[in-house]
């Protein structure tokens, strides 16, 4: 680092810039140079001269690896037990002055780049023109060209690269400039984070966690796989086409029906029922269904599973005829109409009383006592996913107590048993997709 060598000479106010030499091949020149430095740079303060020689000694060596690890060099010198406290203070002072000068030059270089280099891209991902002075815009210099980015576009780019993968397996990849396919440097990533933290009101959890591990992709994946998996699922559901999402929801409903205790609660979605209503109603449940199945955190899996069946139970008890169609006849003309397309909102409004009290006491979800799912009747099959039991030892006590509730007094109010006074209407309950 020729620049760092020159900075040392200026900070120490040396009488000349000494040319570095190879110690192994030019020993005589090295001895002559050290004698010259001793004559030129010696001061009346012995401790300062010793501290000064510590830095001059690394400057006169060619290919000195101590420049590459300057902080390791500084730590070794400070912790040297054979120097006095005064020499240690001088070394600290000189090193700090060198660093200040070095970073001033780096700052000047960056200001020069951003002022005189031409702007290559000045629009965001939506082709909206950007202003470089906007607090939500950051400028990146690569190959002597400036690229303007909206901070939210960088968040999306970061999230896409960190959650890259197939079949819900994460394989994060380095972040590149989408306009020239050049990797962002670590300095660029630090600039992204500090721009977000100090200049904007935005906050991105992925970038924050990435920053905490010094942008080490491997460490980031190891410590934040659950976060990445959840972001991946949210993005996947958000960007999924309507037709695919509809088919996925039908698969989820098939899973729900297999878990339902009694046939009278099973959901039936007719093929001619409005698909948009089905998607709007079940998309939050499908997202929760994916989180329940693909999360990496065991405790979150339990939470998501409990919440999923709780929400689905409320949905079914509110209207278990959702998705069904009926034939209506009028003057010998028939038409298909929905039996009942009303559904409960997935996102419940928090009660005022709960809001005022939930910071001082734990307020759990209100229990629903109706037996809708098999788990409500004590048939809890998920234990097989957690504990591998040997069927050959079924007679032994494996420590798992399964409580079976034989009280099958199921609330039949939801079953449509009314005697259809309009004899011209018939409900189609067998048409499912």
Protein backbone atom coordinates (compact mmCIF):
# COMPACT_ATOMS: atom_id res chain seq x y z
CA UNK A 1 0.00 0.00 0.00
CA UNK A 2 2.01 2.88 -1.34
CA UNK A 3 -0.64 5.37 -0.22
CA UNK A 4 -0.48 4.20 3.38
CA UNK A 5 3.33 4.39 3.32
CA UNK A 6 3.24 8.00 2.13
CA UNK A 7 0.66 8.90 4.77
CA UNK A 8 2.97 7.54 7.49
CA UNK A 9 5.83 9.70 6.22
CA UNK A 10 3.59 12.81 6.26
CA UNK A 11 2.10 12.17 9.68
CA UNK A 12 5.55 11.52 11.20
CA UNK A 13 6.93 14.59 9.39
CA UNK A 14 9.91 12.68 8.06
CA UNK A 15 12.67 14.59 6.29
CA UNK A 16 12.33 12.39 3.20
CA UNK A 17 10.41 9.46 1.78
CA UNK A 18 12.60 6.43 2.23
CA UNK A 19 12.50 3.89 -0.57
CA UNK A 20 11.55 0.39 0.62
CA UNK A 21 14.07 -2.39 0.12
CA UNK A 22 14.11 -6.17 0.28
CA UNK A 23 15.61 -7.10 3.64
CA UNK A 24 16.70 -10.61 2.59
CA UNK A 25 18.51 -9.62 -0.63
CA UNK A 26 19.85 -6.19 0.33
CA UNK A 27 21.00 -6.47 3.92
CA UNK A 28 23.83 -3.93 3.58
CA UNK A 29 21.47 -1.37 2.04
CA UNK A 30 19.02 -2.07 4.83
CA UNK A 31 21.67 -1.37 7.49
CA UNK A 32 22.72 1.84 5.74
CA UNK A 33 19.08 2.93 5.50
CA UNK A 34 18.43 2.31 9.18
CA UNK A 35 21.51 4.36 10.07
CA UNK A 36 20.28 7.18 7.84
CA UNK A 37 16.84 7.08 9.43
CA UNK A 38 18.41 7.08 12.89
CA UNK A 39 20.38 10.22 12.05
CA UNK A 40 17.45 12.03 10.39
CA UNK A 41 14.46 11.06 12.52
CA UNK A 42 15.84 10.85 16.06
CA UNK A 43 14.31 13.41 18.43
CA UNK A 44 15.02 14.50 21.96
CA UNK A 45 12.00 12.52 23.19
CA UNK A 46 13.23 8.94 23.46
CA UNK A 47 9.76 7.37 23.81
CA UNK A 48 8.41 9.23 20.79
CA UNK A 49 11.44 8.17 18.72
CA UNK A 50 10.84 4.52 19.66
CA UNK A 51 7.17 4.79 18.69
CA UNK A 52 8.11 6.55 15.45
CA UNK A 53 10.57 3.80 14.53
CA UNK A 54 7.83 1.19 14.93
CA UNK A 55 6.00 2.68 11.93
CA UNK A 56 9.10 3.58 9.92
CA UNK A 57 10.36 0.03 10.20
CA UNK A 58 7.37 -1.36 8.28
CA UNK A 59 7.66 1.37 5.64
CA UNK A 60 11.17 0.46 4.51
CA UNK A 61 10.35 -3.21 3.90
CA UNK A 62 9.12 -4.27 0.47
CA UNK A 63 6.05 -6.53 0.33
CA UNK A 64 5.36 -6.05 4.01
CA UNK A 65 2.34 -8.14 4.98
CA UNK A 66 1.76 -5.97 8.05
CA UNK A 67 0.13 -3.39 5.75
CA UNK A 68 -2.54 -5.94 4.87
CA UNK A 69 -3.45 -6.42 8.53
CA UNK A 70 -2.80 -3.02 10.02
CA UNK A 71 -5.13 -3.58 12.94
CA UNK A 72 -3.38 -6.84 13.79
CA UNK A 73 -0.07 -4.97 13.63
CA UNK A 74 -1.45 -2.23 15.89
CA UNK A 75 -2.76 -4.78 18.40
CA UNK A 76 0.59 -6.60 18.54
CA UNK A 77 2.50 -3.38 19.22
CA UNK A 78 0.07 -2.12 21.85
CA UNK A 79 0.12 -5.43 23.72
CA UNK A 80 3.91 -5.67 23.62
CA UNK A 81 4.98 -6.06 27.29
CA UNK A 82 8.45 -4.59 26.60
CA UNK A 83 7.32 -1.04 25.81
CA UNK A 84 6.57 1.69 28.32
CA UNK A 85 3.15 3.23 28.86
CA UNK A 86 4.33 6.47 27.29
CA UNK A 87 5.49 4.66 24.16
CA UNK A 88 2.14 2.88 24.03
CA UNK A 89 0.31 6.22 24.11
CA UNK A 90 2.51 7.58 21.33
CA UNK A 91 1.80 4.52 19.18
CA UNK A 92 -1.94 4.96 19.74
CA UNK A 93 -1.78 8.64 18.85
CA UNK A 94 0.29 8.09 15.69
CA UNK A 95 -1.92 5.23 14.50
CA UNK A 96 -5.09 7.30 14.99
CA UNK A 97 -3.61 10.21 13.04
CA UNK A 98 -2.64 7.90 10.19
CA UNK A 99 -6.14 6.42 10.09
CA UNK A 100 -7.80 9.84 10.13
CA UNK A 101 -5.67 11.01 7.24
CA UNK A 102 -6.27 7.79 5.32
CA UNK A 103 -10.05 7.99 5.64
CA UNK A 104 -10.09 11.68 4.74
CA UNK A 105 -8.44 10.77 1.46
CA UNK A 106 -10.90 7.94 0.88
CA UNK A 107 -13.76 10.30 1.59
CA UNK A 108 -12.36 12.84 -0.86
CA UNK A 109 -12.03 10.12 -3.49
CA UNK A 110 -15.66 9.08 -3.07
CA UNK A 111 -16.87 12.69 -3.24
CA UNK A 112 -14.90 13.16 -6.42
CA UNK A 113 -16.43 10.04 -7.97
CA UNK A 114 -19.99 11.03 -7.15
CA UNK A 115 -19.47 14.58 -8.37
CA UNK A 116 -17.66 14.05 -11.67
CA UNK A 117 -18.62 10.57 -12.87
CA UNK A 118 -21.54 10.43 -15.29
CA UNK A 119 -24.84 8.87 -14.27
CA UNK A 120 -25.55 5.67 -16.17
CA UNK A 121 -28.96 4.81 -14.65
CA UNK A 122 -31.26 7.43 -13.10
CA UNK A 123 -34.57 5.54 -12.93
CA UNK A 124 -35.95 3.01 -10.47
CA UNK A 125 -37.23 -0.48 -11.26
CA UNK A 126 -40.55 1.04 -12.31
CA UNK A 127 -38.79 3.47 -14.71
CA UNK A 128 -39.60 6.47 -12.55
CA UNK A 129 -36.92 9.13 -12.75
CA UNK A 130 -34.86 9.51 -9.57
CA UNK A 131 -33.29 12.56 -7.97
CA UNK A 132 -29.83 11.90 -6.53
CA UNK A 133 -30.48 14.34 -3.68
CA UNK A 134 -33.60 12.50 -2.55
CA UNK A 135 -33.12 10.95 0.90
CA UNK A 136 -34.61 7.64 -0.33
CA UNK A 137 -32.13 7.39 -3.23
CA UNK A 138 -28.58 6.05 -2.99
CA UNK A 139 -25.82 6.39 -5.58
CA UNK A 140 -23.44 3.50 -6.35
CA UNK A 141 -20.27 3.89 -8.45
CA UNK A 142 -19.05 0.96 -10.53
CA UNK A 143 -16.67 1.05 -13.51
CA UNK A 144 -16.50 4.85 -13.33
CA UNK A 145 -20.28 5.15 -13.78
CA UNK A 146 -23.00 6.10 -11.32
CA UNK A 147 -26.12 4.05 -10.72
CA UNK A 148 -29.04 5.47 -8.76
CA UNK A 149 -31.18 3.12 -6.70
CA UNK A 150 -34.33 3.63 -4.73
CA UNK A 151 -33.80 2.14 -1.28
CA UNK A 152 -36.98 0.03 -1.54
CA UNK A 153 -35.72 -1.46 -4.82
CA UNK A 154 -32.55 -2.52 -3.03
CA UNK A 155 -34.66 -4.16 -0.31
CA UNK A 156 -36.52 -6.19 -2.93
CA UNK A 157 -33.29 -7.09 -4.70
CA UNK A 158 -31.72 -8.20 -1.42
CA UNK A 159 -34.75 -10.22 -0.41
CA UNK A 160 -34.92 -11.96 -3.80
CA UNK A 161 -31.26 -12.99 -3.67
CA UNK A 162 -31.28 -14.07 -0.04
CA UNK A 163 -34.47 -16.16 -0.43
CA UNK A 164 -33.45 -17.75 -3.72
CA UNK A 165 -34.23 -21.44 -3.92
CA UNK A 166 -36.53 -24.20 -5.14
CA UNK A 167 -39.12 -26.29 -3.31
CA UNK A 168 -38.69 -24.14 -0.20
CA UNK A 169 -34.97 -24.89 0.12
CA UNK A 170 -32.96 -21.68 0.50
CA UNK A 171 -29.78 -21.21 -1.54
CA UNK A 172 -28.82 -17.57 -1.09
CA UNK A 173 -26.61 -15.94 -3.70
CA UNK A 174 -24.45 -12.77 -3.71
CA UNK A 175 -26.15 -9.49 -4.58
CA UNK A 176 -25.40 -7.99 -7.97
CA UNK A 177 -26.11 -4.74 -9.73
CA UNK A 178 -29.00 -5.71 -12.04
CA UNK A 179 -27.87 -3.21 -14.70
CA UNK A 180 -24.32 -4.52 -15.24
CA UNK A 181 -24.30 -7.87 -13.38
CA UNK A 182 -21.37 -6.75 -11.19
CA UNK A 183 -21.31 -7.82 -7.55
CA UNK A 184 -21.88 -5.14 -4.95
CA UNK A 185 -18.83 -4.69 -2.74
CA UNK A 186 -18.99 -5.08 1.01
CA UNK A 187 -18.57 -1.30 1.27
CA UNK A 188 -21.70 -0.91 -0.88
CA UNK A 189 -23.63 -3.20 1.45
CA UNK A 190 -22.54 -1.18 4.48
CA UNK A 191 -23.61 1.99 2.66
CA UNK A 192 -27.03 0.44 1.99
CA UNK A 193 -27.49 -0.34 5.67
CA UNK A 194 -26.37 3.04 7.02
CA UNK A 195 -28.45 4.82 4.39
CA UNK A 196 -31.49 2.90 5.58
CA UNK A 197 -30.75 3.45 9.26
CA UNK A 198 -29.84 7.14 9.31
CA UNK A 199 -31.42 8.75 6.23
CA UNK A 200 -34.77 7.01 5.80
CA UNK A 201 -37.76 5.86 7.81
CA UNK A 202 -37.61 2.39 6.27
CA UNK A 203 -36.47 -0.74 8.05
CA UNK A 204 -35.64 -4.08 6.45
CA UNK A 205 -35.18 -7.04 8.76
CA UNK A 206 -33.20 -9.07 6.22
CA UNK A 207 -30.68 -6.28 5.69
CA UNK A 208 -30.42 -5.69 9.44
CA UNK A 209 -29.69 -9.35 10.18
CA UNK A 210 -27.26 -9.49 7.25
CA UNK A 211 -25.42 -6.50 8.72
CA UNK A 212 -25.17 -8.17 12.15
CA UNK A 213 -23.02 -10.97 10.70
CA UNK A 214 -20.87 -8.53 8.67
CA UNK A 215 -22.58 -9.60 5.44
CA UNK A 216 -21.29 -13.15 5.70
CA UNK A 217 -23.75 -15.16 3.57
CA UNK A 218 -22.99 -18.49 5.24
CA UNK A 219 -23.39 -17.15 8.79
CA UNK A 220 -26.48 -15.24 7.75
CA UNK A 221 -28.14 -18.40 6.43
CA UNK A 222 -27.20 -20.42 9.50
CA UNK A 223 -28.68 -17.90 11.94
CA UNK A 224 -31.67 -16.64 9.93
CA UNK A 225 -33.02 -19.60 7.98
CA UNK A 226 -36.45 -19.23 9.58
CA UNK A 227 -36.65 -15.56 8.62
CA UNK A 228 -35.57 -16.33 5.05
CA UNK A 229 -38.03 -19.21 4.75
CA UNK A 230 -40.92 -17.04 5.94
CA UNK A 231 -39.99 -14.23 3.55
CA UNK A 232 -39.71 -16.75 0.74
CA UNK A 233 -43.20 -18.09 1.47
CA UNK A 234 -44.71 -14.61 1.69
CA UNK A 235 -43.15 -13.60 -1.63
CA UNK A 236 -44.17 -16.85 -3.28
CA UNK A 237 -47.81 -16.44 -2.28
CA UNK A 238 -47.79 -12.75 -3.21
CA UNK A 239 -46.40 -13.39 -6.69
CA UNK A 240 -48.29 -16.58 -7.46
CA UNK A 241 -50.68 -16.46 -10.41
CA UNK A 242 -54.40 -16.70 -9.67
CA UNK A 243 -54.87 -20.07 -11.39
CA UNK A 244 -51.98 -21.72 -9.56
CA UNK A 245 -52.99 -20.17 -6.23
CA UNK A 246 -56.55 -21.42 -6.72
CA UNK A 247 -55.33 -24.99 -7.33
CA UNK A 248 -53.06 -24.80 -4.27
CA UNK A 249 -55.97 -23.62 -2.14
CA UNK A 250 -58.07 -26.58 -3.31
CA UNK A 251 -55.25 -28.90 -2.22
CA UNK A 252 -55.23 -27.20 1.17
CA UNK A 253 -59.00 -27.63 1.48
CA UNK A 254 -58.55 -31.32 0.69
CA UNK A 255 -56.08 -31.52 3.57
CA UNK A 256 -58.55 -29.69 5.84
CA UNK A 257 -61.37 -32.08 4.94
CA UNK A 258 -59.16 -35.04 5.82
CA UNK A 259 -58.61 -33.50 9.26
CA UNK A 260 -62.32 -32.79 9.88
CA UNK A 261 -64.03 -35.07 12.39
CA UNK A 262 -67.50 -35.16 10.85
CA UNK A 263 -68.58 -34.98 7.21
CA UNK A 264 -71.15 -32.30 7.95
CA UNK A 265 -68.37 -29.75 8.51
CA UNK A 266 -66.41 -30.52 5.36
CA UNK A 267 -65.90 -27.76 2.83
CA UNK A 268 -67.02 -28.23 -0.75
CA UNK A 269 -65.93 -25.77 -3.43
CA UNK A 270 -67.99 -26.08 -6.61
CA UNK A 271 -66.11 -25.74 -9.87
CA UNK A 272 -68.35 -22.87 -11.01
CA UNK A 273 -68.06 -20.93 -7.75
CA UNK A 274 -66.38 -17.54 -8.16
CA UNK A 275 -62.64 -18.24 -8.02
CA UNK A 276 -61.80 -14.68 -6.97
CA UNK A 277 -63.91 -15.03 -3.83
CA UNK A 278 -62.18 -18.32 -3.00
CA UNK A 279 -58.74 -16.76 -3.47
CA UNK A 280 -59.61 -13.68 -1.41
CA UNK A 281 -61.04 -15.80 1.38
CA UNK A 282 -58.35 -18.48 1.64
CA UNK A 283 -55.08 -16.79 0.66
CA UNK A 284 -54.19 -15.84 4.28
CA UNK A 285 -54.99 -19.40 5.36
CA UNK A 286 -52.83 -20.83 2.58
CA UNK A 287 -49.91 -18.64 3.64
CA UNK A 288 -50.31 -19.89 7.20
CA UNK A 289 -50.59 -23.45 5.88
CA UNK A 290 -47.22 -23.13 4.12
CA UNK A 291 -45.59 -21.62 7.20
CA UNK A 292 -46.93 -24.50 9.26
CA UNK A 293 -45.39 -27.06 6.90
CA UNK A 294 -42.09 -25.45 5.90
CA UNK A 295 -40.89 -23.33 8.80
CA UNK A 296 -37.53 -24.32 10.31
CA UNK A 297 -38.41 -23.32 13.86
CA UNK A 298 -40.08 -26.11 15.85
CA UNK A 299 -41.80 -23.69 18.22
CA UNK A 300 -43.08 -21.59 15.34
CA UNK A 301 -44.38 -24.72 13.63
CA UNK A 302 -46.44 -25.48 16.74
CA UNK A 303 -47.69 -21.91 16.86
CA UNK A 304 -48.60 -21.79 13.16
CA UNK A 305 -50.32 -25.16 13.34
CA UNK A 306 -52.39 -24.15 16.35
CA UNK A 307 -53.30 -20.83 14.75
CA UNK A 308 -54.16 -22.46 11.41
CA UNK A 309 -56.65 -24.93 12.87
CA UNK A 310 -58.08 -22.26 15.17
CA UNK A 311 -58.70 -19.90 12.25
CA UNK A 312 -60.11 -22.65 10.06
CA UNK A 313 -62.45 -23.75 12.82
CA UNK A 314 -63.82 -20.21 13.09
CA UNK A 315 -64.20 -20.07 9.31
CA UNK A 316 -66.10 -23.38 9.18
CA UNK A 317 -68.35 -22.58 12.13
CA UNK A 318 -69.15 -19.21 10.60
CA UNK A 319 -70.22 -20.68 7.25
CA UNK A 320 -69.50 -24.31 6.37
CA UNK A 321 -71.53 -23.95 3.17
CA UNK A 322 -69.06 -21.51 1.66
CA UNK A 323 -68.20 -22.39 -1.94
CA UNK A 324 -71.33 -24.40 -2.67
CA UNK A 325 -73.66 -23.67 -5.57
CA UNK A 326 -77.36 -24.39 -5.99
CA UNK A 327 -79.69 -24.69 -8.95
CA UNK A 328 -82.53 -22.19 -8.93
CA UNK A 329 -85.52 -22.67 -11.22
CA UNK A 330 -87.81 -19.88 -12.27
CA UNK A 331 -90.36 -20.24 -15.05
CA UNK A 332 -88.64 -23.42 -16.25
CA UNK A 333 -85.30 -21.61 -16.43
CA UNK A 334 -82.45 -22.70 -14.21
CA UNK A 335 -79.42 -20.80 -13.04
CA UNK A 336 -76.56 -21.49 -10.67
CA UNK A 337 -76.21 -19.27 -7.63
CA UNK A 338 -74.05 -19.39 -4.54
CA UNK A 339 -75.64 -20.85 -1.43
CA UNK A 340 -73.72 -18.47 0.83
CA UNK A 341 -70.55 -16.64 -0.19
CA UNK A 342 -70.05 -14.80 3.09
CA UNK A 343 -66.88 -15.58 5.01
CA UNK A 344 -65.23 -14.38 8.20
CA UNK A 345 -62.26 -12.04 7.91
CA UNK A 346 -58.96 -13.76 8.68
CA UNK A 347 -57.53 -10.66 10.36
CA UNK A 348 -59.57 -10.09 13.48
CA UNK A 349 -60.00 -6.67 14.96
CA UNK A 350 -58.47 -6.49 18.41
CA UNK A 351 -60.96 -5.77 21.14
CA UNK A 352 -60.43 -2.52 23.01
CA UNK A 353 -60.48 -4.29 26.38
CA UNK A 354 -57.81 -6.75 25.25
CA UNK A 355 -55.68 -3.98 23.79
CA UNK A 356 -55.72 -2.10 27.09
CA UNK A 357 -54.82 -5.19 29.14
CA UNK A 358 -52.56 -7.40 26.99
CA UNK A 359 -49.41 -5.57 28.07
CA UNK A 360 -49.88 -6.53 31.73
CA UNK A 361 -51.36 -10.03 31.38
CA UNK A 362 -51.34 -12.89 28.92
CA UNK A 363 -54.64 -12.96 27.04
CA UNK A 364 -54.99 -16.14 25.04
CA UNK A 365 -57.32 -16.81 22.14
CA UNK A 366 -60.87 -17.63 23.14
CA UNK A 367 -61.36 -21.34 23.13
CA UNK A 368 -63.87 -22.87 20.72
CA UNK A 369 -65.44 -25.98 22.24
CA UNK A 370 -67.18 -27.39 19.15
CA UNK A 371 -65.61 -30.59 17.85
CA UNK A 372 -64.71 -29.83 14.25
CA UNK A 373 -61.31 -31.42 13.70
CA UNK A 374 -60.09 -34.84 14.72
CA UNK A 375 -57.63 -33.22 17.09
CA UNK A 376 -60.61 -31.74 18.96
CA UNK A 377 -61.77 -35.29 19.67
CA UNK A 378 -58.34 -36.35 20.94
CA UNK A 379 -57.17 -37.89 17.65
CA UNK A 380 -53.91 -36.01 17.43
CA UNK A 381 -51.93 -37.59 14.61
CA UNK A 382 -49.09 -35.11 14.48
CA UNK A 383 -47.23 -36.98 17.25
CA UNK A 384 -45.98 -39.40 14.61
CA UNK A 385 -44.01 -36.55 13.05
CA UNK A 386 -42.24 -35.84 16.32
CA UNK A 387 -41.70 -39.26 17.93
CA UNK A 388 -40.75 -42.30 15.88
CA UNK A 389 -42.51 -45.21 17.57
CA UNK A 390 -41.80 -48.86 16.78
CA UNK A 391 -44.98 -50.67 15.83
CA UNK A 392 -43.49 -53.95 17.07
CA UNK A 393 -43.33 -52.53 20.59
CA UNK A 394 -46.90 -51.29 20.57
CA UNK A 395 -47.70 -53.25 23.71
CA UNK A 396 -45.01 -51.44 25.67
CA UNK A 397 -45.72 -48.21 27.47
CA UNK A 398 -44.04 -45.55 25.34
CA UNK A 399 -44.96 -42.70 27.64
CA UNK A 400 -47.47 -41.14 25.23
CA UNK A 401 -50.94 -40.75 26.67
CA UNK A 402 -53.67 -40.20 24.10
CA UNK A 403 -56.91 -38.93 25.57
CA UNK A 404 -59.94 -39.87 23.49
CA UNK A 405 -63.05 -37.82 23.98
CA UNK A 406 -66.11 -40.01 23.53
CA UNK A 407 -68.49 -37.15 23.91
CA UNK A 408 -69.65 -36.72 20.34
CA UNK A 409 -72.46 -34.27 20.98
CA UNK A 410 -71.67 -32.22 17.96
CA UNK A 411 -73.44 -28.95 17.41
CA UNK A 412 -75.68 -29.55 14.41
CA UNK A 413 -76.93 -25.99 14.08
CA UNK A 414 -74.64 -25.38 11.13
CA UNK A 415 -76.08 -28.22 9.07
CA UNK A 416 -78.67 -27.05 6.58
CA UNK A 417 -81.63 -29.22 7.66
CA UNK A 418 -84.36 -26.79 6.89
CA UNK A 419 -87.11 -28.24 4.75
CA UNK A 420 -86.47 -26.04 1.71
CA UNK A 421 -89.85 -24.41 1.34
CA UNK A 422 -88.70 -23.35 -2.08
CA UNK A 423 -88.89 -26.77 -3.65
CA UNK A 424 -87.43 -25.40 -6.85
CA UNK A 425 -83.99 -24.96 -5.23
CA UNK A 426 -81.55 -27.86 -4.91
CA UNK A 427 -78.08 -27.66 -3.37
CA UNK A 428 -75.18 -29.21 -5.22
CA UNK A 429 -72.90 -30.72 -2.57
CA UNK A 430 -71.07 -33.24 -4.68
CA UNK A 431 -69.41 -30.88 -7.11
CA UNK A 432 -65.92 -30.31 -5.87
CA UNK A 433 -62.76 -29.62 -7.68
